[in-house]
Protein backbone atom coordinates (compact mmCIF):
# COMPACT_ATOMS: atom_id res chain seq x y z
CA MET A 1 103.34 -50.75 -96.94
CA LEU A 2 103.88 -51.77 -100.44
CA LEU A 3 107.49 -51.61 -101.80
CA VAL A 4 107.74 -49.69 -105.25
CA ALA A 5 111.08 -50.23 -107.06
CA ASP A 6 112.38 -47.14 -108.60
CA ASN A 7 115.19 -48.59 -110.19
CA ILE A 8 113.92 -48.55 -113.90
CA ARG A 9 114.96 -45.39 -114.38
CA ILE A 10 116.35 -42.97 -117.70
CA THR A 11 119.03 -41.63 -115.33
CA ASN A 12 120.34 -44.70 -115.22
CA LYS A 13 123.07 -44.74 -118.44
CA ARG A 14 122.72 -48.36 -118.91
CA ILE A 15 118.67 -48.03 -119.08
CA GLU A 16 119.09 -44.83 -120.93
CA ARG A 17 121.43 -46.99 -123.76
CA ALA A 18 119.04 -49.89 -123.72
CA VAL A 19 116.02 -47.37 -124.24
CA ASN A 20 117.54 -45.71 -127.01
CA GLU A 21 118.68 -49.15 -128.74
CA LEU A 22 115.36 -50.67 -128.06
CA ASN A 23 117.27 -53.41 -126.07
CA PRO A 24 114.92 -55.15 -123.57
CA ALA A 25 117.39 -57.03 -121.95
CA PRO A 26 119.18 -54.44 -119.51
CA ILE A 27 115.76 -53.34 -118.55
CA GLN A 28 114.17 -57.04 -118.14
CA GLU A 29 117.45 -58.12 -116.10
CA MET A 30 116.74 -54.83 -114.06
CA ALA A 31 113.21 -55.78 -113.60
CA ARG A 32 113.49 -59.43 -112.79
CA ARG A 33 116.17 -58.38 -109.82
CA CYS A 34 113.85 -56.03 -108.52
CA GLU A 35 110.85 -58.55 -108.10
CA ALA A 36 113.74 -61.20 -106.69
CA ALA A 37 114.45 -58.17 -103.96
CA GLY A 38 110.91 -58.15 -103.07
CA ALA A 39 109.30 -55.40 -105.20
CA ASP A 40 105.50 -55.23 -105.02
CA ALA A 41 105.34 -52.76 -108.08
CA MET A 42 107.76 -51.29 -110.41
CA ASP A 43 108.02 -47.78 -111.32
CA ILE A 44 108.94 -47.18 -114.91
CA ASN A 45 110.42 -43.63 -114.96
CA SER A 46 111.09 -42.67 -118.58
CA GLY A 47 111.73 -38.87 -118.22
CA PRO A 48 110.02 -36.79 -121.01
CA LEU A 49 110.87 -39.14 -124.10
CA SER A 50 111.00 -36.20 -126.19
CA ARG A 51 112.44 -37.90 -129.48
CA GLU A 52 110.12 -41.04 -129.97
CA PRO A 53 107.56 -40.98 -126.96
CA VAL A 54 105.16 -43.33 -128.27
CA LYS A 55 107.65 -46.21 -129.75
CA GLN A 56 109.83 -45.75 -126.86
CA MET A 57 107.40 -45.92 -123.70
CA THR A 58 105.58 -48.69 -125.70
CA PHE A 59 108.91 -50.96 -125.78
CA LEU A 60 109.42 -50.07 -121.85
CA VAL A 61 106.20 -51.24 -120.92
CA GLU A 62 106.36 -54.50 -123.07
CA ALA A 63 109.74 -55.32 -122.06
CA VAL A 64 108.95 -55.27 -118.34
CA GLN A 65 105.68 -57.41 -118.88
CA ALA A 66 107.38 -59.82 -120.66
CA VAL A 67 108.98 -60.65 -117.57
CA SER A 68 107.07 -59.70 -114.60
CA ASP A 69 103.43 -59.46 -113.56
CA LEU A 70 104.06 -56.76 -110.87
CA PRO A 71 101.35 -53.69 -111.31
CA ILE A 72 103.63 -50.85 -112.75
CA LEU A 73 103.52 -47.05 -112.23
CA ILE A 74 104.20 -44.93 -115.39
CA ASP A 75 106.22 -42.42 -114.44
CA THR A 76 106.58 -39.46 -117.56
CA ALA A 77 105.48 -35.95 -117.84
CA ASN A 78 105.14 -36.38 -121.64
CA PRO A 79 101.35 -37.20 -122.17
CA ARG A 80 101.86 -38.61 -125.54
CA ALA A 81 104.27 -41.18 -123.65
CA MET A 82 101.64 -41.91 -120.90
CA LYS A 83 98.94 -42.65 -123.50
CA ALA A 84 100.95 -45.31 -125.13
CA GLY A 85 102.17 -46.79 -122.11
CA LEU A 86 98.66 -47.32 -121.02
CA GLU A 87 97.66 -48.66 -124.31
CA ALA A 88 100.50 -51.18 -124.38
CA ASN A 89 99.56 -52.48 -120.94
CA LYS A 90 98.55 -55.62 -120.21
CA LYS A 91 98.42 -55.87 -116.60
CA VAL A 92 97.99 -53.03 -113.76
CA ALA A 93 98.82 -49.66 -114.61
CA ILE A 94 99.24 -46.61 -112.13
CA ILE A 95 99.56 -43.22 -113.79
CA ASN A 96 102.62 -41.32 -112.12
CA GLY A 97 101.48 -38.86 -111.84
CA PHE A 98 99.32 -35.31 -111.74
CA SER A 99 99.45 -32.11 -109.82
CA LEU A 100 97.60 -28.85 -109.45
CA GLU A 101 100.26 -27.59 -112.61
CA PRO A 102 97.44 -26.67 -115.46
CA ALA A 103 98.95 -29.00 -118.16
CA LYS A 104 99.03 -32.14 -115.72
CA LEU A 105 95.31 -31.45 -114.98
CA GLU A 106 94.30 -31.12 -118.81
CA GLN A 107 96.24 -34.21 -119.71
CA MET A 108 96.89 -36.67 -117.35
CA LEU A 109 93.47 -36.68 -115.42
CA PRO A 110 91.27 -37.67 -118.39
CA LEU A 111 93.65 -40.65 -119.23
CA ALA A 112 93.08 -41.99 -115.58
CA LYS A 113 89.37 -41.65 -116.39
CA ARG A 114 89.55 -43.07 -119.87
CA PHE A 115 91.82 -45.75 -118.81
CA GLY A 116 90.14 -46.27 -115.09
CA THR A 117 93.62 -46.35 -113.74
CA ARG A 118 94.76 -45.39 -110.47
CA ILE A 119 96.83 -41.85 -110.58
CA VAL A 120 99.34 -40.57 -108.21
CA GLY A 121 98.91 -37.07 -107.22
CA TYR A 122 101.60 -34.83 -105.94
CA LEU A 123 101.18 -31.95 -103.32
CA LEU A 124 102.80 -29.25 -105.40
CA TYR A 125 101.48 -25.75 -106.13
CA PRO A 126 100.21 -24.93 -109.85
CA ASN A 127 103.69 -23.47 -110.73
CA GLY A 128 105.27 -27.04 -109.98
CA HIS A 129 106.91 -25.60 -106.42
CA VAL A 130 106.85 -27.53 -103.14
CA PRO A 131 104.74 -26.31 -100.30
CA PRO A 132 106.88 -24.81 -97.64
CA ASP A 133 105.12 -26.69 -94.64
CA GLY A 134 102.43 -29.09 -93.66
CA SER A 135 99.67 -26.53 -93.45
CA GLU A 136 100.24 -25.60 -96.96
CA ARG A 137 100.21 -29.14 -98.28
CA LEU A 138 96.95 -29.81 -96.49
CA ASN A 139 95.51 -26.72 -98.36
CA VAL A 140 96.90 -28.25 -101.77
CA ALA A 141 95.80 -31.87 -101.02
CA VAL A 142 91.99 -30.02 -100.63
CA ALA A 143 92.41 -28.64 -104.01
CA LEU A 144 94.08 -31.69 -105.87
CA TYR A 145 91.18 -33.74 -104.59
CA ASP A 146 88.77 -31.26 -105.72
CA ALA A 147 90.19 -30.99 -109.43
CA PHE A 148 90.34 -34.96 -109.24
CA ARG A 149 86.70 -35.47 -108.16
CA LYS A 150 85.75 -32.70 -111.06
CA ALA A 151 87.33 -35.19 -113.70
CA GLY A 152 84.83 -37.64 -112.70
CA LEU A 153 87.20 -40.17 -110.87
CA GLU A 154 86.57 -42.20 -107.94
CA ASN A 155 88.19 -41.98 -104.28
CA GLU A 156 89.70 -45.20 -104.65
CA GLN A 157 91.64 -44.10 -107.80
CA LEU A 158 93.75 -41.58 -106.05
CA ILE A 159 97.18 -41.87 -104.38
CA ILE A 160 98.57 -38.80 -102.84
CA ASP A 161 102.46 -38.13 -102.70
CA PRO A 162 103.16 -35.51 -100.12
CA VAL A 163 106.43 -34.89 -102.05
CA VAL A 164 109.42 -35.68 -99.54
CA ALA A 165 112.06 -32.95 -99.07
CA PRO A 166 115.76 -33.35 -99.60
CA VAL A 167 117.35 -33.08 -96.19
CA MET A 168 119.83 -30.85 -97.58
CA TRP A 169 117.39 -27.91 -98.24
CA GLN A 170 117.61 -25.21 -95.78
CA ASN A 171 114.25 -26.53 -94.30
CA GLY A 172 114.15 -30.24 -95.36
CA THR A 173 114.22 -31.84 -92.00
CA ILE A 174 111.28 -29.49 -90.83
CA GLN A 175 109.53 -30.30 -94.20
CA ASN A 176 109.64 -33.93 -93.74
CA MET A 177 108.55 -33.92 -90.08
CA ASP A 178 105.75 -32.08 -91.12
CA ILE A 179 104.91 -34.74 -93.85
CA ILE A 180 104.40 -36.84 -90.90
CA SER A 181 101.67 -35.02 -89.88
CA VAL A 182 100.27 -34.52 -93.34
CA LEU A 183 99.91 -38.63 -93.78
CA ARG A 184 98.17 -38.63 -90.57
CA THR A 185 95.77 -36.07 -91.12
CA LEU A 186 94.68 -37.20 -94.74
CA PRO A 187 92.28 -39.47 -94.30
CA ASP A 188 90.16 -36.82 -91.73
CA LEU A 189 90.66 -34.20 -94.22
CA LEU A 190 89.40 -35.73 -97.31
CA GLY A 191 86.80 -38.17 -95.39
CA PHE A 192 88.29 -41.45 -96.94
CA ASP A 193 91.12 -43.83 -96.06
CA VAL A 194 93.22 -42.31 -99.24
CA SER A 195 96.18 -44.25 -100.43
CA THR A 196 99.54 -42.48 -100.27
CA ILE A 197 103.01 -42.85 -101.85
CA ALA A 198 106.59 -41.32 -101.08
CA GLY A 199 109.44 -41.21 -103.00
CA LEU A 200 112.31 -41.98 -100.42
CA SER A 201 115.52 -41.41 -102.68
CA ASN A 202 114.24 -37.69 -102.57
CA LEU A 203 115.32 -37.75 -98.99
CA THR A 204 118.97 -38.08 -99.59
CA SER A 205 119.19 -36.66 -103.02
CA GLY A 206 122.31 -34.50 -103.43
CA GLN A 207 125.91 -34.80 -102.36
CA GLY A 208 126.76 -36.80 -99.30
CA ASP A 209 127.96 -40.17 -97.80
CA LYS A 210 126.47 -43.15 -99.24
CA GLU A 211 126.15 -44.94 -95.76
CA LYS A 212 124.92 -42.32 -94.01
CA LYS A 213 122.46 -41.74 -96.81
CA ARG A 214 121.16 -45.29 -96.71
CA LEU A 215 120.88 -44.78 -92.65
CA LEU A 216 118.87 -41.80 -93.07
CA GLU A 217 116.43 -43.81 -95.41
CA SER A 218 116.36 -46.70 -92.94
CA VAL A 219 115.24 -44.38 -90.21
CA TYR A 220 112.79 -42.31 -91.98
CA LEU A 221 110.78 -45.02 -93.92
CA PRO A 222 109.52 -46.48 -90.53
CA MET A 223 108.58 -43.07 -89.43
CA LEU A 224 106.37 -42.60 -92.56
CA ALA A 225 105.10 -46.40 -92.06
CA VAL A 226 103.66 -45.66 -88.85
CA SER A 227 102.15 -42.23 -90.18
CA GLY A 228 100.03 -44.64 -92.41
CA LEU A 229 102.25 -44.62 -95.82
CA SER A 230 100.52 -47.08 -98.07
CA MET A 231 103.55 -47.25 -100.73
CA ALA A 232 107.36 -46.68 -100.43
CA LEU A 233 109.26 -45.66 -103.81
CA LEU A 234 112.66 -46.68 -103.47
CA ASN A 235 115.92 -48.34 -104.65
CA MET A 236 115.29 -52.22 -103.96
CA PHE A 237 118.94 -52.72 -103.80
CA HIS A 238 119.48 -50.92 -100.54
CA GLU A 239 119.08 -54.31 -98.72
CA LYS A 240 119.06 -52.73 -95.14
CA THR A 241 116.20 -50.40 -96.33
CA VAL A 242 114.00 -53.06 -97.67
CA ARG A 243 114.63 -55.67 -94.76
CA ILE A 244 113.28 -52.82 -92.37
CA ALA A 245 110.22 -52.62 -94.27
CA GLY A 246 109.73 -56.29 -94.20
CA VAL A 247 110.07 -56.46 -90.87
CA TYR A 248 107.65 -53.48 -90.41
CA ASN A 249 105.15 -55.14 -92.34
CA ALA A 250 105.66 -58.85 -90.43
CA LEU A 251 104.85 -56.72 -87.17
CA ILE A 252 101.64 -55.15 -88.25
CA ASN A 253 100.35 -58.21 -90.26
CA LYS A 254 97.34 -59.49 -88.33
CA LYS A 255 98.20 -62.97 -88.61
CA ILE A 256 100.24 -65.08 -86.54
CA PHE A 257 103.63 -64.10 -86.36
CA SER A 258 106.51 -66.04 -87.70
CA TRP A 259 110.26 -65.58 -87.38
CA GLU A 260 110.30 -67.17 -90.98
CA GLU A 261 109.27 -63.68 -92.14
CA ILE A 262 112.06 -61.53 -90.71
């Protein structure tokens, strides 16, 4: 299971200020810290970038890739910003992402085809709402895969995000248990070993005790992992969660076990 840092996000006031000022230093510092913490890839969550999407996304991608060779996930709903990020990319980039929302199908899937990149697909209804249970998520997965293939993309380009629900939702815990089943079912349902990703921070969004939130993360992540999750999107500075992920990877590694990896 690969770890994707979700720390480079526009909701961080320091990152937002750096983007507005086109100051690479805070972004590069964050990228270095994430890589040092064990990240395998980095999500660049820029938000909509409604003012200067091309200039700002180009700046973000170039700033990160100046200090890191890790793959990047370009995370924006703005198609102009996404295109600019893909054009600025000099290494490995993944589009994050698309769903059955008509605008996403029309604007994001063609970019994955044009640039030959992988793309994250969210299990959401066409109106952007989250399906209420595992059965509906699987129905959405079939429709999502159908649209993906009609766009001329190859199976290995697809990464599915089942959409982790906040536990504070009325049925949040039930939905998240259903996601375990969804992850296990997807390969048989779609007929290939589909890659998956989950945003762990979604689990604990909203109010709540910080330590209890991190405890929930550290328990739920191994549950996702043993269900076949390929990539976890998480805060790389949540040390306990990251360490547990490392232990999990050490235990499933087929090479000879070493205590040095723990």
